[in-house]
C-alpha cells in the first residue's frame, strides 16, 4: 500500500472500566445472545455458555460489539476490530488508574480536576469570587 492509501486508516483506542452491579442480568443477557446465534456450532455454543457462567468478563465480551460503536458514524467503514474483557482489581483513587494523557500531544494542555484537559469553555467566568462558575464540572 502507498502512503496515501494507508493514511485513510485510523486506529481508535477505547478503554473502559465497567462496574458489574447485576451479575445475573449480565450473564442472562449473554446466555440469551449465545442461544439466539443461529450460526454458532453446538460445540462452540456449549463452550461459550460454560465460559459465560464462570466469568462476568466473558459475558461482557459476548455482549459488546465494536461495530455498534461506529456503525452510525458517517463516512467510515470498520476495517478490522478486536476486543477483550478481563476481571481487574480497580481502585479509582489509585494513581495507577489515572488517564493516560500525553501532555506533549495536547496543544495547550492544562489538566482539570478530573485529569482531563480543560477546554476553553471549562476555564470559568468571572463571577462573585467564590470560584463557582455554575459550569459542570
N, C-alpha and C. Protein backbone atom coordinates (compact mmCIF):
# COMPACT_ATOMS: atom_id res chain seq x y z
N UNK A 1 0.84 -1.18 0.00
CA UNK A 1 0.00 0.00 0.00
C UNK A 1 0.88 1.25 0.00
N UNK A 2 0.43 2.24 -0.68
CA UNK A 2 1.15 3.51 -0.69
C UNK A 2 0.78 4.31 0.55
N UNK A 3 1.54 5.35 0.81
CA UNK A 3 1.26 6.20 1.96
C UNK A 3 -0.13 6.82 1.87
N UNK A 4 -0.54 7.23 0.68
CA UNK A 4 -1.87 7.83 0.54
C UNK A 4 -2.97 6.82 0.81
N UNK A 5 -2.74 5.54 0.50
CA UNK A 5 -3.74 4.51 0.78
C UNK A 5 -3.81 4.20 2.27
N UNK A 6 -2.66 4.14 2.93
CA UNK A 6 -2.66 3.80 4.35
C UNK A 6 -3.11 4.97 5.22
N UNK A 7 -2.98 6.19 4.74
CA UNK A 7 -3.39 7.35 5.56
C UNK A 7 -4.90 7.43 5.72
N UNK A 8 -5.63 6.63 5.00
CA UNK A 8 -7.09 6.59 5.15
C UNK A 8 -7.51 5.83 6.40
N UNK A 9 -6.60 5.10 7.02
CA UNK A 9 -6.94 4.26 8.16
C UNK A 9 -6.59 4.96 9.47
N UNK A 10 -7.47 4.81 10.45
CA UNK A 10 -7.30 5.43 11.76
C UNK A 10 -7.50 4.35 12.81
N UNK A 11 -6.61 4.30 13.79
CA UNK A 11 -6.78 3.37 14.91
C UNK A 11 -7.47 4.12 16.04
N UNK A 12 -8.61 3.63 16.47
CA UNK A 12 -9.37 4.20 17.58
C UNK A 12 -9.16 3.30 18.79
N UNK A 13 -8.62 3.85 19.85
CA UNK A 13 -8.40 3.07 21.07
C UNK A 13 -9.39 3.56 22.13
N UNK A 14 -10.10 2.62 22.69
CA UNK A 14 -11.05 2.94 23.75
C UNK A 14 -10.80 1.97 24.89
N UNK A 15 -10.67 2.50 26.09
CA UNK A 15 -10.52 1.65 27.26
C UNK A 15 -11.60 2.03 28.24
N UNK A 16 -12.35 1.05 28.67
CA UNK A 16 -13.44 1.27 29.60
C UNK A 16 -13.23 0.40 30.84
N UNK A 17 -13.64 0.90 31.99
CA UNK A 17 -13.72 0.10 33.20
C UNK A 17 -15.20 0.04 33.54
N UNK A 18 -15.72 -1.16 33.58
CA UNK A 18 -17.14 -1.39 33.79
C UNK A 18 -17.35 -1.96 35.19
N UNK A 19 -18.31 -1.41 35.92
CA UNK A 19 -18.68 -1.98 37.21
C UNK A 19 -19.93 -2.84 37.00
N UNK A 20 -19.83 -4.10 37.36
CA UNK A 20 -20.96 -5.02 37.23
C UNK A 20 -21.76 -4.95 38.52
N UNK A 21 -22.97 -4.42 38.42
CA UNK A 21 -23.80 -4.33 39.62
C UNK A 21 -24.96 -5.32 39.61
N UNK A 22 -25.11 -6.09 38.51
CA UNK A 22 -26.12 -7.14 38.45
C UNK A 22 -25.57 -8.28 37.60
N UNK A 23 -24.83 -9.14 38.24
CA UNK A 23 -24.17 -10.25 37.56
C UNK A 23 -25.19 -11.16 36.86
N UNK A 24 -26.31 -11.39 37.51
CA UNK A 24 -27.33 -12.26 36.94
C UNK A 24 -27.89 -11.70 35.64
N UNK A 25 -28.14 -10.40 35.60
CA UNK A 25 -28.66 -9.77 34.38
C UNK A 25 -27.62 -9.84 33.26
N UNK A 26 -26.37 -9.58 33.60
CA UNK A 26 -25.29 -9.63 32.60
C UNK A 26 -25.14 -11.04 32.03
N UNK A 27 -25.05 -12.02 32.91
CA UNK A 27 -24.90 -13.41 32.47
C UNK A 27 -26.12 -13.86 31.68
N UNK A 28 -27.31 -13.50 32.15
CA UNK A 28 -28.54 -13.89 31.44
C UNK A 28 -28.60 -13.31 30.03
N UNK A 29 -28.21 -12.05 29.88
CA UNK A 29 -28.22 -11.42 28.56
C UNK A 29 -27.22 -12.09 27.62
N UNK A 30 -26.04 -12.44 28.16
CA UNK A 30 -25.04 -13.11 27.33
C UNK A 30 -25.51 -14.50 26.92
N UNK A 31 -26.11 -15.24 27.84
CA UNK A 31 -26.63 -16.57 27.51
C UNK A 31 -27.73 -16.48 26.46
N UNK A 32 -28.55 -15.46 26.55
CA UNK A 32 -29.61 -15.25 25.56
C UNK A 32 -29.02 -14.95 24.19
N UNK A 33 -27.99 -14.10 24.15
CA UNK A 33 -27.32 -13.78 22.88
C UNK A 33 -26.73 -15.04 22.25
N UNK A 34 -26.08 -15.87 23.08
CA UNK A 34 -25.48 -17.10 22.58
C UNK A 34 -26.56 -18.05 22.05
N UNK A 35 -27.65 -18.18 22.78
CA UNK A 35 -28.75 -19.06 22.36
C UNK A 35 -29.38 -18.60 21.05
N UNK A 36 -29.42 -17.29 20.84
CA UNK A 36 -30.05 -16.73 19.63
C UNK A 36 -29.14 -16.75 18.41
N UNK A 37 -27.85 -17.08 18.59
CA UNK A 37 -26.90 -17.09 17.48
C UNK A 37 -27.08 -18.36 16.66
N UNK A 38 -27.82 -18.25 15.57
CA UNK A 38 -28.14 -19.42 14.75
C UNK A 38 -26.95 -19.97 13.97
N UNK A 39 -25.87 -19.21 13.88
CA UNK A 39 -24.71 -19.64 13.12
C UNK A 39 -23.63 -20.28 14.00
N UNK A 40 -23.80 -20.25 15.33
CA UNK A 40 -22.80 -20.82 16.23
C UNK A 40 -22.96 -22.34 16.28
N UNK A 41 -21.87 -23.08 16.01
CA UNK A 41 -21.93 -24.55 16.12
C UNK A 41 -22.22 -24.99 17.55
N UNK A 42 -22.86 -26.13 17.71
CA UNK A 42 -23.28 -26.60 19.03
C UNK A 42 -22.12 -26.76 20.01
N UNK A 43 -20.98 -27.29 19.56
CA UNK A 43 -19.86 -27.47 20.48
C UNK A 43 -19.30 -26.12 20.95
N UNK A 44 -19.28 -25.14 20.06
CA UNK A 44 -18.85 -23.80 20.43
C UNK A 44 -19.86 -23.15 21.38
N UNK A 45 -21.15 -23.40 21.12
CA UNK A 45 -22.21 -22.84 21.98
C UNK A 45 -22.07 -23.37 23.40
N UNK A 46 -21.82 -24.67 23.54
CA UNK A 46 -21.66 -25.27 24.86
C UNK A 46 -20.47 -24.66 25.60
N UNK A 47 -19.36 -24.50 24.89
CA UNK A 47 -18.17 -23.88 25.49
C UNK A 47 -18.46 -22.44 25.89
N UNK A 48 -19.11 -21.67 25.03
CA UNK A 48 -19.42 -20.26 25.30
C UNK A 48 -20.33 -20.13 26.51
N UNK A 49 -21.35 -20.98 26.60
CA UNK A 49 -22.27 -20.92 27.73
C UNK A 49 -21.55 -21.21 29.05
N UNK A 50 -20.65 -22.18 29.02
CA UNK A 50 -19.88 -22.52 30.21
C UNK A 50 -18.98 -21.35 30.63
N UNK A 51 -18.29 -20.74 29.67
CA UNK A 51 -17.39 -19.63 29.95
C UNK A 51 -18.16 -18.43 30.52
N UNK A 52 -19.32 -18.15 29.97
CA UNK A 52 -20.14 -17.02 30.42
C UNK A 52 -20.65 -17.24 31.83
N UNK A 53 -21.00 -18.48 32.17
CA UNK A 53 -21.48 -18.76 33.53
C UNK A 53 -20.36 -18.64 34.56
N UNK A 54 -19.13 -18.88 34.15
CA UNK A 54 -17.99 -18.87 35.07
C UNK A 54 -17.41 -17.49 35.31
N UNK A 55 -17.49 -16.59 34.33
CA UNK A 55 -16.80 -15.32 34.45
C UNK A 55 -17.59 -14.18 33.81
N UNK A 56 -17.80 -13.11 34.58
CA UNK A 56 -18.55 -11.95 34.09
C UNK A 56 -17.86 -11.29 32.90
N UNK A 57 -16.53 -11.30 32.88
CA UNK A 57 -15.81 -10.69 31.76
C UNK A 57 -16.13 -11.40 30.45
N UNK A 58 -16.28 -12.71 30.49
CA UNK A 58 -16.66 -13.46 29.28
C UNK A 58 -18.07 -13.08 28.83
N UNK A 59 -18.96 -12.90 29.79
CA UNK A 59 -20.32 -12.49 29.46
C UNK A 59 -20.32 -11.13 28.77
N UNK A 60 -19.55 -10.21 29.30
CA UNK A 60 -19.47 -8.88 28.71
C UNK A 60 -18.90 -8.94 27.29
N UNK A 61 -17.89 -9.77 27.09
CA UNK A 61 -17.27 -9.89 25.76
C UNK A 61 -18.26 -10.40 24.71
N UNK A 62 -19.22 -11.22 25.12
CA UNK A 62 -20.24 -11.70 24.17
C UNK A 62 -21.29 -10.64 23.87
N UNK A 63 -21.39 -9.62 24.71
CA UNK A 63 -22.42 -8.59 24.52
C UNK A 63 -21.91 -7.31 23.86
N UNK A 64 -20.61 -7.06 23.94
CA UNK A 64 -20.04 -5.84 23.38
C UNK A 64 -19.58 -6.11 21.95
N UNK A 65 -19.95 -5.20 21.05
CA UNK A 65 -19.56 -5.34 19.65
C UNK A 65 -19.00 -4.00 19.17
N UNK A 66 -17.71 -3.95 18.82
CA UNK A 66 -17.13 -2.68 18.37
C UNK A 66 -17.85 -2.08 17.16
N UNK A 67 -18.45 -2.89 16.33
CA UNK A 67 -19.20 -2.37 15.19
C UNK A 67 -20.31 -1.44 15.66
N UNK A 68 -20.94 -1.76 16.78
CA UNK A 68 -22.02 -0.92 17.31
C UNK A 68 -21.52 0.49 17.67
N UNK A 69 -20.24 0.61 18.04
CA UNK A 69 -19.69 1.92 18.40
C UNK A 69 -19.59 2.86 17.22
N UNK A 70 -19.36 2.31 16.02
CA UNK A 70 -19.08 3.15 14.86
C UNK A 70 -20.07 2.98 13.71
N UNK A 71 -21.05 2.12 13.85
CA UNK A 71 -21.95 1.82 12.74
C UNK A 71 -22.75 3.03 12.26
N UNK A 72 -22.99 3.99 13.13
CA UNK A 72 -23.78 5.18 12.77
C UNK A 72 -22.92 6.38 12.37
N UNK A 73 -21.60 6.23 12.42
CA UNK A 73 -20.70 7.34 12.08
C UNK A 73 -20.63 7.47 10.56
N UNK A 74 -20.97 8.63 10.02
CA UNK A 74 -20.97 8.79 8.55
C UNK A 74 -19.54 8.84 7.99
N UNK A 75 -19.38 8.28 6.81
CA UNK A 75 -18.13 8.40 6.08
C UNK A 75 -17.06 7.41 6.47
N UNK A 76 -17.40 6.39 7.26
CA UNK A 76 -16.40 5.39 7.64
C UNK A 76 -16.93 3.99 7.44
N UNK A 77 -16.00 3.05 7.37
CA UNK A 77 -16.34 1.63 7.32
C UNK A 77 -15.36 0.91 8.23
N UNK A 78 -15.86 0.07 9.12
CA UNK A 78 -15.00 -0.67 10.03
C UNK A 78 -14.18 -1.67 9.23
N UNK A 79 -12.86 -1.55 9.28
CA UNK A 79 -11.97 -2.42 8.51
C UNK A 79 -11.53 -3.64 9.32
N UNK A 80 -11.36 -3.47 10.62
CA UNK A 80 -10.89 -4.56 11.47
C UNK A 80 -11.21 -4.21 12.91
N UNK A 81 -11.50 -5.22 13.73
CA UNK A 81 -11.77 -4.95 15.13
C UNK A 81 -11.36 -6.15 15.97
N UNK A 82 -10.90 -5.89 17.16
CA UNK A 82 -10.66 -6.93 18.15
C UNK A 82 -10.94 -6.31 19.51
N UNK A 83 -11.32 -7.13 20.44
CA UNK A 83 -11.59 -6.64 21.78
C UNK A 83 -11.48 -7.80 22.76
N UNK A 84 -11.28 -7.46 24.00
CA UNK A 84 -11.20 -8.49 25.03
C UNK A 84 -11.71 -7.89 26.33
N UNK A 85 -12.07 -8.76 27.24
CA UNK A 85 -12.52 -8.34 28.56
C UNK A 85 -11.77 -9.18 29.59
N UNK A 86 -11.49 -8.58 30.74
CA UNK A 86 -10.81 -9.30 31.80
C UNK A 86 -11.23 -8.74 33.15
N UNK A 87 -11.28 -9.59 34.16
CA UNK A 87 -11.52 -9.14 35.52
C UNK A 87 -10.29 -8.37 35.98
N UNK A 88 -10.49 -7.28 36.69
CA UNK A 88 -9.38 -6.48 37.18
C UNK A 88 -9.62 -6.08 38.63
N UNK A 89 -8.56 -5.71 39.32
CA UNK A 89 -8.66 -5.07 40.63
C UNK A 89 -8.63 -3.58 40.35
N UNK A 90 -9.67 -2.89 40.72
CA UNK A 90 -9.80 -1.47 40.38
C UNK A 90 -9.92 -0.64 41.63
N UNK A 91 -9.09 0.38 41.74
CA UNK A 91 -9.16 1.34 42.82
C UNK A 91 -9.19 2.72 42.18
N UNK A 92 -10.34 3.37 42.12
CA UNK A 92 -10.43 4.66 41.43
C UNK A 92 -9.56 5.75 42.05
N UNK A 93 -9.12 5.56 43.29
CA UNK A 93 -8.28 6.55 43.94
C UNK A 93 -6.79 6.32 43.72
N UNK A 94 -6.44 5.20 43.10
CA UNK A 94 -5.03 4.87 42.88
C UNK A 94 -4.48 5.63 41.68
N UNK A 95 -3.23 6.06 41.79
CA UNK A 95 -2.57 6.76 40.68
C UNK A 95 -2.38 5.82 39.48
N UNK A 96 -2.42 4.52 39.71
CA UNK A 96 -2.28 3.55 38.62
C UNK A 96 -3.43 3.64 37.62
N UNK A 97 -4.55 4.23 38.02
CA UNK A 97 -5.73 4.27 37.17
C UNK A 97 -5.98 5.64 36.58
N UNK A 98 -5.01 6.55 36.66
CA UNK A 98 -5.18 7.86 36.04
C UNK A 98 -5.20 7.69 34.53
N UNK A 99 -5.89 8.59 33.84
CA UNK A 99 -5.96 8.53 32.39
C UNK A 99 -4.58 8.71 31.79
N UNK A 100 -4.33 8.00 30.72
CA UNK A 100 -3.03 8.03 30.04
C UNK A 100 -3.05 9.13 28.99
N UNK A 101 -2.86 10.38 29.44
CA UNK A 101 -2.87 11.53 28.54
C UNK A 101 -1.44 12.03 28.41
N UNK A 102 -0.96 12.10 27.18
CA UNK A 102 0.37 12.63 26.93
C UNK A 102 0.26 14.13 26.79
N UNK A 103 0.70 14.86 27.80
CA UNK A 103 0.55 16.31 27.83
C UNK A 103 1.22 16.98 26.63
N UNK A 104 2.30 16.39 26.12
CA UNK A 104 3.01 16.98 24.99
C UNK A 104 2.21 16.89 23.69
N UNK A 105 1.26 15.95 23.61
CA UNK A 105 0.49 15.76 22.39
C UNK A 105 -0.77 16.60 22.35
N UNK A 106 -1.14 17.21 23.47
CA UNK A 106 -2.35 18.01 23.53
C UNK A 106 -1.94 19.47 23.55
N UNK A 107 -2.25 20.19 22.48
CA UNK A 107 -1.87 21.59 22.36
C UNK A 107 -2.55 22.40 23.46
N UNK A 108 -1.76 23.12 24.22
CA UNK A 108 -2.31 23.97 25.28
C UNK A 108 -2.87 23.16 26.43
N UNK A 109 -2.34 21.97 26.68
CA UNK A 109 -2.86 21.09 27.72
C UNK A 109 -2.80 21.74 29.09
N UNK A 110 -3.92 21.67 29.76
CA UNK A 110 -3.98 22.06 31.16
C UNK A 110 -4.97 21.10 31.81
N UNK A 111 -4.52 20.27 32.76
CA UNK A 111 -5.42 19.29 33.34
C UNK A 111 -6.47 19.93 34.24
N UNK A 112 -7.68 19.42 34.15
CA UNK A 112 -8.73 19.84 35.05
C UNK A 112 -8.71 18.99 36.30
N UNK A 113 -9.64 19.17 37.21
CA UNK A 113 -9.64 18.42 38.46
C UNK A 113 -9.85 16.92 38.25
N UNK A 114 -10.43 16.53 37.11
CA UNK A 114 -10.64 15.12 36.83
C UNK A 114 -9.54 14.50 35.99
N UNK A 115 -8.50 15.28 35.64
CA UNK A 115 -7.39 14.77 34.85
C UNK A 115 -7.55 14.98 33.37
N UNK A 116 -8.75 15.29 32.92
CA UNK A 116 -8.98 15.56 31.50
C UNK A 116 -8.48 16.96 31.16
N UNK A 117 -8.09 17.17 29.90
CA UNK A 117 -7.68 18.53 29.52
C UNK A 117 -8.85 19.50 29.67
N UNK A 118 -8.55 20.68 30.16
CA UNK A 118 -9.56 21.72 30.22
C UNK A 118 -9.80 22.25 28.82
N UNK A 119 -11.03 22.49 28.50
CA UNK A 119 -11.38 23.11 27.24
C UNK A 119 -11.59 24.60 27.48
N UNK A 120 -11.63 25.36 26.42
CA UNK A 120 -11.77 26.82 26.54
C UNK A 120 -13.00 27.19 27.36
N UNK A 121 -14.12 26.47 27.16
CA UNK A 121 -15.34 26.82 27.89
C UNK A 121 -15.37 26.25 29.31
N UNK A 122 -14.33 25.47 29.71
CA UNK A 122 -14.26 24.95 31.08
C UNK A 122 -13.52 25.89 32.02
N UNK A 123 -12.86 26.91 31.51
CA UNK A 123 -11.97 27.73 32.30
C UNK A 123 -12.72 28.68 33.24
N UNK A 124 -14.02 28.76 33.11
CA UNK A 124 -14.79 29.56 34.04
C UNK A 124 -14.98 30.98 33.56
N UNK A 125 -15.78 31.68 34.30
CA UNK A 125 -16.07 33.08 34.01
C UNK A 125 -15.90 33.85 35.31
N UNK A 126 -15.68 35.13 35.16
CA UNK A 126 -15.59 35.94 36.36
C UNK A 126 -16.96 35.99 37.01
N UNK A 127 -16.97 35.80 38.29
CA UNK A 127 -18.26 35.79 38.98
C UNK A 127 -18.16 36.50 40.29
N UNK A 128 -18.74 35.88 41.31
CA UNK A 128 -18.80 36.52 42.61
C UNK A 128 -17.57 36.24 43.46
N UNK A 129 -16.57 35.58 42.88
CA UNK A 129 -15.33 35.35 43.61
C UNK A 129 -15.29 34.07 44.41
N UNK A 130 -16.40 33.28 44.40
CA UNK A 130 -16.39 32.06 45.17
C UNK A 130 -15.83 30.88 44.38
N UNK A 131 -15.45 31.11 43.13
CA UNK A 131 -14.88 30.04 42.30
C UNK A 131 -15.93 29.20 41.63
N UNK A 132 -17.17 29.34 42.00
CA UNK A 132 -18.24 28.55 41.40
C UNK A 132 -18.75 29.27 40.16
N UNK A 133 -18.50 28.68 39.00
CA UNK A 133 -18.94 29.31 37.75
C UNK A 133 -20.30 28.80 37.30
N UNK A 134 -20.81 27.81 38.01
CA UNK A 134 -22.09 27.23 37.59
C UNK A 134 -21.94 26.29 36.42
N UNK A 135 -20.72 25.97 36.07
CA UNK A 135 -20.48 25.06 34.94
C UNK A 135 -20.14 23.68 35.49
N UNK A 136 -20.31 22.70 34.62
CA UNK A 136 -20.05 21.32 35.02
C UNK A 136 -18.81 20.82 34.36
N UNK A 137 -17.92 20.14 35.05
CA UNK A 137 -17.61 20.22 36.46
C UNK A 137 -16.80 21.44 36.74
